[in-house]
């Protein structure tokens, strides 16, 4: 589960079945947790450009 930051899911950058994909990711994380496997989160530091730039709205 990589690159799920909000900047990838804007009205300008629509994705196929966003709601379904996010639901599947949540289900997969639950399976990992139930099996005592790690679920690792990362956070973009907003040093990029555009929607990934610091102090830009979600």
C-alpha atoms as a PDB file:
ATOM      1  CA  UNK A   1       0.000   0.000   0.000  1.00  0.00           C
ATOM      2  CA  UNK A   2       2.016   2.910  -1.284  1.00  0.00           C
ATOM      3  CA  UNK A   3       1.210   6.413  -2.549  1.00  0.00           C
ATOM      4  CA  UNK A   4      -2.193   6.857  -0.984  1.00  0.00           C
ATOM      5  CA  UNK A   5      -1.655  10.497  -0.039  1.00  0.00           C
ATOM      6  CA  UNK A   6      -4.534  12.873  -0.664  1.00  0.00           C
ATOM      7  CA  UNK A   7      -2.597  14.729  -3.359  1.00  0.00           C
ATOM      8  CA  UNK A   8      -2.963  11.689  -5.608  1.00  0.00           C
ATOM      9  CA  UNK A   9      -6.744  11.741  -5.278  1.00  0.00           C
ATOM     10  CA  UNK A  10      -7.997  15.168  -6.307  1.00  0.00           C
ATOM     11  CA  UNK A  11     -10.716  16.255  -8.701  1.00  0.00           C
ATOM     12  CA  UNK A  12      -7.922  17.160 -11.131  1.00  0.00           C
ATOM     13  CA  UNK A  13      -6.395  13.675 -10.804  1.00  0.00           C
ATOM     14  CA  UNK A  14      -9.333  11.259 -10.593  1.00  0.00           C
ATOM     15  CA  UNK A  15      -8.561   7.582 -10.021  1.00  0.00           C
ATOM     16  CA  UNK A  16     -10.475   4.434 -10.911  1.00  0.00           C
ATOM     17  CA  UNK A  17     -12.868   3.347  -8.138  1.00  0.00           C
ATOM     18  CA  UNK A  18     -11.240   5.453  -5.421  1.00  0.00           C
ATOM     19  CA  UNK A  19     -13.767   4.451  -2.769  1.00  0.00           C
ATOM     20  CA  UNK A  20     -13.423   0.749  -3.549  1.00  0.00           C
ATOM     21  CA  UNK A  21      -9.627   0.903  -3.588  1.00  0.00           C
ATOM     22  CA  UNK A  22      -9.517   2.650  -0.215  1.00  0.00           C
ATOM     23  CA  UNK A  23     -11.935   0.082   1.242  1.00  0.00           C
ATOM     24  CA  UNK A  24      -9.740  -2.758  -0.016  1.00  0.00           C
ATOM     25  CA  UNK A  25      -6.670  -1.130   1.512  1.00  0.00           C
ATOM     26  CA  UNK A  26      -8.426  -0.893   4.873  1.00  0.00           C
ATOM     27  CA  UNK A  27      -9.444  -4.556   4.633  1.00  0.00           C
ATOM     28  CA  UNK A  28      -5.900  -5.581   3.778  1.00  0.00           C
ATOM     29  CA  UNK A  29      -4.522  -3.624   6.748  1.00  0.00           C
ATOM     30  CA  UNK A  30      -7.032  -5.406   9.005  1.00  0.00           C
ATOM     31  CA  UNK A  31      -5.863  -8.805   7.734  1.00  0.00           C
ATOM     32  CA  UNK A  32      -2.249  -7.855   8.422  1.00  0.00           C
ATOM     33  CA  UNK A  33      -3.111  -6.709  11.943  1.00  0.00           C
ATOM     34  CA  UNK A  34      -5.072  -9.883  12.719  1.00  0.00           C
ATOM     35  CA  UNK A  35      -2.039 -11.937  11.670  1.00  0.00           C
ATOM     36  CA  UNK A  36       0.248  -9.748  13.808  1.00  0.00           C
ATOM     37  CA  UNK A  37       2.040  -8.476  10.718  1.00  0.00           C
ATOM     38  CA  UNK A  38       3.205  -4.865  10.626  1.00  0.00           C
ATOM     39  CA  UNK A  39       1.242  -2.110   8.915  1.00  0.00           C
ATOM     40  CA  UNK A  40       3.685   0.708   8.249  1.00  0.00           C
ATOM     41  CA  UNK A  41       2.567   4.247   7.566  1.00  0.00           C
ATOM     42  CA  UNK A  42       4.682   6.943   5.990  1.00  0.00           C
ATOM     43  CA  UNK A  43       3.957  10.625   5.683  1.00  0.00           C
ATOM     44  CA  UNK A  44       5.079  12.900   2.882  1.00  0.00           C
ATOM     45  CA  UNK A  45       7.107  15.822   4.172  1.00  0.00           C
ATOM     46  CA  UNK A  46       5.522  18.227   1.653  1.00  0.00           C
ATOM     47  CA  UNK A  47       8.819  19.243   0.066  1.00  0.00           C
ATOM     48  CA  UNK A  48       7.413  18.495  -3.379  1.00  0.00           C
ATOM     49  CA  UNK A  49       5.519  20.732  -5.772  1.00  0.00           C
ATOM     50  CA  UNK A  50       1.839  21.346  -6.448  1.00  0.00           C
ATOM     51  CA  UNK A  51      -0.518  19.528  -4.079  1.00  0.00           C
ATOM     52  CA  UNK A  52       2.502  18.018  -2.346  1.00  0.00           C
ATOM     53  CA  UNK A  53       3.975  21.401  -1.482  1.00  0.00           C
ATOM     54  CA  UNK A  54       4.089  22.557   2.133  1.00  0.00           C
ATOM     55  CA  UNK A  55       1.066  24.578   3.344  1.00  0.00           C
ATOM     56  CA  UNK A  56      -1.158  23.587   0.415  1.00  0.00           C
ATOM     57  CA  UNK A  57      -4.742  22.505   1.096  1.00  0.00           C
ATOM     58  CA  UNK A  58      -5.566  18.797   1.173  1.00  0.00           C
END
